[in-house]
Each structure stands twice: as C-alpha cells, then as structure tokens.
Amino acid sequence: MTWHLLATESWDDVYNSPDVDQAYNSFIGKASTALNTACPLKKSRPKGKLKSALINNDDVCHLKKEYLQALNNQILRGREEDKALTAAKKKDYDLKLKQLKQQDTTNFIQNAENK
C-alpha cells in the first residue's frame, strides 16, 4: 500500500528543486506522509514496571541459574539425559514464574483503589 501511495505522488518538486536540502526535505515529507497513512501509529497504554517480586526472588534466581546450567550442558554434550533435565528445569522455572505472576496480580487487584 505504501508503494502505491508513493507511485501516485508527484515527485517534480524533488527532482526540480535547486537545493539539495530542499529536495531532501520534500522527499522526506512525502515519504513520511505516505508511511504514516499506510502504517499509522498505534496508541497503547504504557506497560507497568517490571515486577519486583519476579526479579528479587531468590528461588527464581536459583531456578534460572539451574536452568541455564542445564541448557549449557545440553548444548555442550547433546545427550538425551541433558535434554530431559533441561526440560524439567525449564518447567520448574516457568511454573515458579507463573505462580509469582499470579500472586502479584492477585495482590495488585486486592490493593486496587478503584474497586
């Protein structure tokens, strides 16, 4: 769609401008207009800050280190036992993160002021 908008645009002022800066500004103006028309910016809410419970939790840090060590062993050795161990460590780590996220969400809802 952007190419169609650019193809229908008149480029005479870009080609016939006496100054390079003027040609550049004209080109950028037309290109950015076409791009903004074809791909408008999405408005979104800013995401909340990173959950401190997930970052500062000793269990999570320990499980992450264990998972990364198992992953390194799997990459280095390539054995099936290492692959199974890595999958188990990843599952433990993911479940702990899920539990903490649920707990954090529950706490956020309970402490919300707009109930």
C-alpha atoms as a PDB file:
ATOM      1  CA  MET A   1       0.000   0.000   0.000  1.00  0.00           C
ATOM      2  CA  THR A   2       2.873   2.364   0.752  1.00  0.00           C
ATOM      3  CA  TRP A   3       4.339   1.743  -2.694  1.00  0.00           C
ATOM      4  CA  HIS A   4       1.003   2.582  -4.300  1.00  0.00           C
ATOM      5  CA  LEU A   5       0.859   5.874  -2.401  1.00  0.00           C
ATOM      6  CA  LEU A   6       4.436   6.672  -3.381  1.00  0.00           C
ATOM      7  CA  ALA A   7       3.808   5.767  -7.031  1.00  0.00           C
ATOM      8  CA  THR A   8       0.857   8.140  -7.299  1.00  0.00           C
ATOM      9  CA  GLU A   9       2.796  11.008  -5.718  1.00  0.00           C
ATOM     10  CA  SER A  10       4.194  13.793  -7.907  1.00  0.00           C
ATOM     11  CA  TRP A  11       7.968  13.960  -7.488  1.00  0.00           C
ATOM     12  CA  ASP A  12       8.593  17.038  -9.658  1.00  0.00           C
ATOM     13  CA  ASP A  13       9.402  19.293  -6.719  1.00  0.00           C
ATOM     14  CA  VAL A  14      12.009  16.773  -5.524  1.00  0.00           C
ATOM     15  CA  TYR A  15      13.656  16.465  -8.952  1.00  0.00           C
ATOM     16  CA  ASN A  16      13.473  20.151  -9.869  1.00  0.00           C
ATOM     17  CA  SER A  17      14.448  21.730  -6.567  1.00  0.00           C
ATOM     18  CA  PRO A  18      17.517  23.974  -6.801  1.00  0.00           C
ATOM     19  CA  ASP A  19      18.907  22.966  -3.418  1.00  0.00           C
ATOM     20  CA  VAL A  20      19.766  19.501  -2.095  1.00  0.00           C
ATOM     21  CA  ASP A  21      18.376  20.292   1.346  1.00  0.00           C
ATOM     22  CA  GLN A  22      15.085  21.443  -0.124  1.00  0.00           C
ATOM     23  CA  ALA A  23      14.862  18.268  -2.245  1.00  0.00           C
ATOM     24  CA  TYR A  24      15.621  16.127   0.799  1.00  0.00           C
ATOM     25  CA  ASN A  25      13.005  17.867   2.941  1.00  0.00           C
ATOM     26  CA  SER A  26      10.402  17.491   0.201  1.00  0.00           C
ATOM     27  CA  PHE A  27      11.249  13.810  -0.244  1.00  0.00           C
ATOM     28  CA  ILE A  28      11.146  13.086   3.496  1.00  0.00           C
ATOM     29  CA  GLY A  29       7.841  14.909   3.828  1.00  0.00           C
ATOM     30  CA  LYS A  30       6.192  12.875   1.076  1.00  0.00           C
ATOM     31  CA  ALA A  31       7.710   9.573   2.214  1.00  0.00           C
ATOM     32  CA  SER A  32       6.747  10.063   5.855  1.00  0.00           C
ATOM     33  CA  THR A  33       3.216  11.138   4.898  1.00  0.00           C
ATOM     34  CA  ALA A  34       2.786   8.003   2.791  1.00  0.00           C
ATOM     35  CA  LEU A  35       4.219   5.814   5.533  1.00  0.00           C
ATOM     36  CA  ASN A  36       2.031   7.373   8.227  1.00  0.00           C
ATOM     37  CA  THR A  37      -1.020   6.924   6.003  1.00  0.00           C
ATOM     38  CA  ALA A  38      -0.253   3.283   5.221  1.00  0.00           C
ATOM     39  CA  CYS A  39       1.009   2.348   8.687  1.00  0.00           C
ATOM     40  CA  PRO A  40      -0.472   4.647  11.337  1.00  0.00           C
ATOM     41  CA  LEU A  41       0.995   4.675  14.812  1.00  0.00           C
ATOM     42  CA  LYS A  42      -0.884   2.585  17.326  1.00  0.00           C
ATOM     43  CA  LYS A  43      -1.805   4.141  20.602  1.00  0.00           C
ATOM     44  CA  SER A  44      -1.194   1.838  23.522  1.00  0.00           C
ATOM     45  CA  ARG A  45      -1.082   2.087  27.235  1.00  0.00           C
ATOM     46  CA  PRO A  46       2.359   2.061  28.757  1.00  0.00           C
ATOM     47  CA  LYS A  47       3.199  -1.258  30.313  1.00  0.00           C
ATOM     48  CA  GLY A  48       3.741  -1.355  34.015  1.00  0.00           C
ATOM     49  CA  LYS A  49       7.149  -1.552  35.507  1.00  0.00           C
ATOM     50  CA  LEU A  50       8.826  -4.923  35.784  1.00  0.00           C
ATOM     51  CA  LYS A  51       7.527  -6.906  38.690  1.00  0.00           C
ATOM     52  CA  SER A  52       9.982  -6.592  41.544  1.00  0.00           C
ATOM     53  CA  ALA A  53       8.819  -9.897  43.024  1.00  0.00           C
ATOM     54  CA  LEU A  54       9.977 -11.686  39.898  1.00  0.00           C
ATOM     55  CA  ILE A  55      13.374 -10.027  39.830  1.00  0.00           C
ATOM     56  CA  ASN A  56      14.321 -10.095  43.504  1.00  0.00           C
ATOM     57  CA  ASN A  57      13.087 -13.566  44.374  1.00  0.00           C
ATOM     58  CA  ASP A  58      15.887 -15.920  45.460  1.00  0.00           C
ATOM     59  CA  ASP A  59      14.020 -19.031  44.316  1.00  0.00           C
ATOM     60  CA  VAL A  60      13.553 -17.598  40.829  1.00  0.00           C
ATOM     61  CA  CYS A  61      17.213 -16.630  40.557  1.00  0.00           C
ATOM     62  CA  HIS A  62      18.281 -20.083  41.714  1.00  0.00           C
ATOM     63  CA  LEU A  63      15.905 -21.864  39.311  1.00  0.00           C
ATOM     64  CA  LYS A  64      17.062 -19.661  36.448  1.00  0.00           C
ATOM     65  CA  LYS A  65      20.716 -20.457  37.160  1.00  0.00           C
ATOM     66  CA  GLU A  66      19.928 -24.172  37.308  1.00  0.00           C
ATOM     67  CA  TYR A  67      18.024 -23.996  34.026  1.00  0.00           C
ATOM     68  CA  LEU A  68      20.794 -22.075  32.263  1.00  0.00           C
ATOM     69  CA  GLN A  69      23.405 -24.527  33.542  1.00  0.00           C
ATOM     70  CA  ALA A  70      21.323 -27.465  32.308  1.00  0.00           C
ATOM     71  CA  LEU A  71      20.848 -25.724  28.957  1.00  0.00           C
ATOM     72  CA  ASN A  72      24.598 -25.182  28.620  1.00  0.00           C
ATOM     73  CA  ASN A  73      25.213 -28.841  29.430  1.00  0.00           C
ATOM     74  CA  GLN A  74      22.658 -29.857  26.807  1.00  0.00           C
ATOM     75  CA  ILE A  75      24.300 -27.639  24.195  1.00  0.00           C
ATOM     76  CA  LEU A  76      27.798 -28.855  25.032  1.00  0.00           C
ATOM     77  CA  ARG A  77      27.068 -32.569  25.353  1.00  0.00           C
ATOM     78  CA  GLY A  78      23.879 -33.078  23.350  1.00  0.00           C
ATOM     79  CA  ARG A  79      22.799 -36.147  25.316  1.00  0.00           C
ATOM     80  CA  GLU A  80      19.165 -37.147  25.783  1.00  0.00           C
ATOM     81  CA  GLU A  81      19.574 -37.100  29.579  1.00  0.00           C
ATOM     82  CA  ASP A  82      20.689 -33.484  29.393  1.00  0.00           C
ATOM     83  CA  LYS A  83      17.748 -32.645  27.157  1.00  0.00           C
ATOM     84  CA  ALA A  84      15.291 -34.192  29.619  1.00  0.00           C
ATOM     85  CA  LEU A  85      16.967 -32.440  32.559  1.00  0.00           C
ATOM     86  CA  THR A  86      16.830 -29.105  30.724  1.00  0.00           C
ATOM     87  CA  ALA A  87      13.124 -29.578  30.009  1.00  0.00           C
ATOM     88  CA  ALA A  88      12.456 -30.375  33.672  1.00  0.00           C
ATOM     89  CA  LYS A  89      14.441 -27.342  34.887  1.00  0.00           C
ATOM     90  CA  LYS A  90      12.662 -25.095  32.384  1.00  0.00           C
ATOM     91  CA  LYS A  91       9.285 -26.384  33.536  1.00  0.00           C
ATOM     92  CA  ASP A  92      10.163 -25.743  37.193  1.00  0.00           C
ATOM     93  CA  TYR A  93      11.360 -22.228  36.360  1.00  0.00           C
ATOM     94  CA  ASP A  94       8.287 -21.424  34.256  1.00  0.00           C
ATOM     95  CA  LEU A  95       5.890 -22.745  36.895  1.00  0.00           C
ATOM     96  CA  LYS A  96       7.550 -20.642  39.591  1.00  0.00           C
ATOM     97  CA  LEU A  97       7.334 -17.546  37.385  1.00  0.00           C
ATOM     98  CA  LYS A  98       3.684 -18.282  36.647  1.00  0.00           C
ATOM     99  CA  GLN A  99       2.939 -18.708  40.345  1.00  0.00           C
ATOM    100  CA  LEU A 100       4.644 -15.432  41.242  1.00  0.00           C
ATOM    101  CA  LYS A 101       2.896 -13.554  38.428  1.00  0.00           C
ATOM    102  CA  GLN A 102      -0.471 -14.861  39.596  1.00  0.00           C
ATOM    103  CA  GLN A 103       0.367 -13.904  43.151  1.00  0.00           C
ATOM    104  CA  ASP A 104       1.472 -10.439  42.049  1.00  0.00           C
ATOM    105  CA  THR A 105      -1.711  -9.957  40.010  1.00  0.00           C
ATOM    106  CA  THR A 106      -3.853 -11.057  42.939  1.00  0.00           C
ATOM    107  CA  ASN A 107      -2.066  -8.618  45.242  1.00  0.00           C
ATOM    108  CA  PHE A 108      -2.480  -5.823  42.694  1.00  0.00           C
ATOM    109  CA  ILE A 109      -6.219  -6.462  42.419  1.00  0.00           C
ATOM    110  CA  GLN A 110      -6.669  -6.669  46.184  1.00  0.00           C
ATOM    111  CA  ASN A 111      -4.790  -3.407  46.699  1.00  0.00           C
ATOM    112  CA  ALA A 112      -6.512  -1.564  43.834  1.00  0.00           C
ATOM    113  CA  GLU A 113      -8.287   1.618  44.784  1.00  0.00           C
ATOM    114  CA  ASN A 114     -10.939   1.592  42.047  1.00  0.00           C
ATOM    115  CA  LYS A 115     -12.996  -1.398  43.182  1.00  0.00           C
END
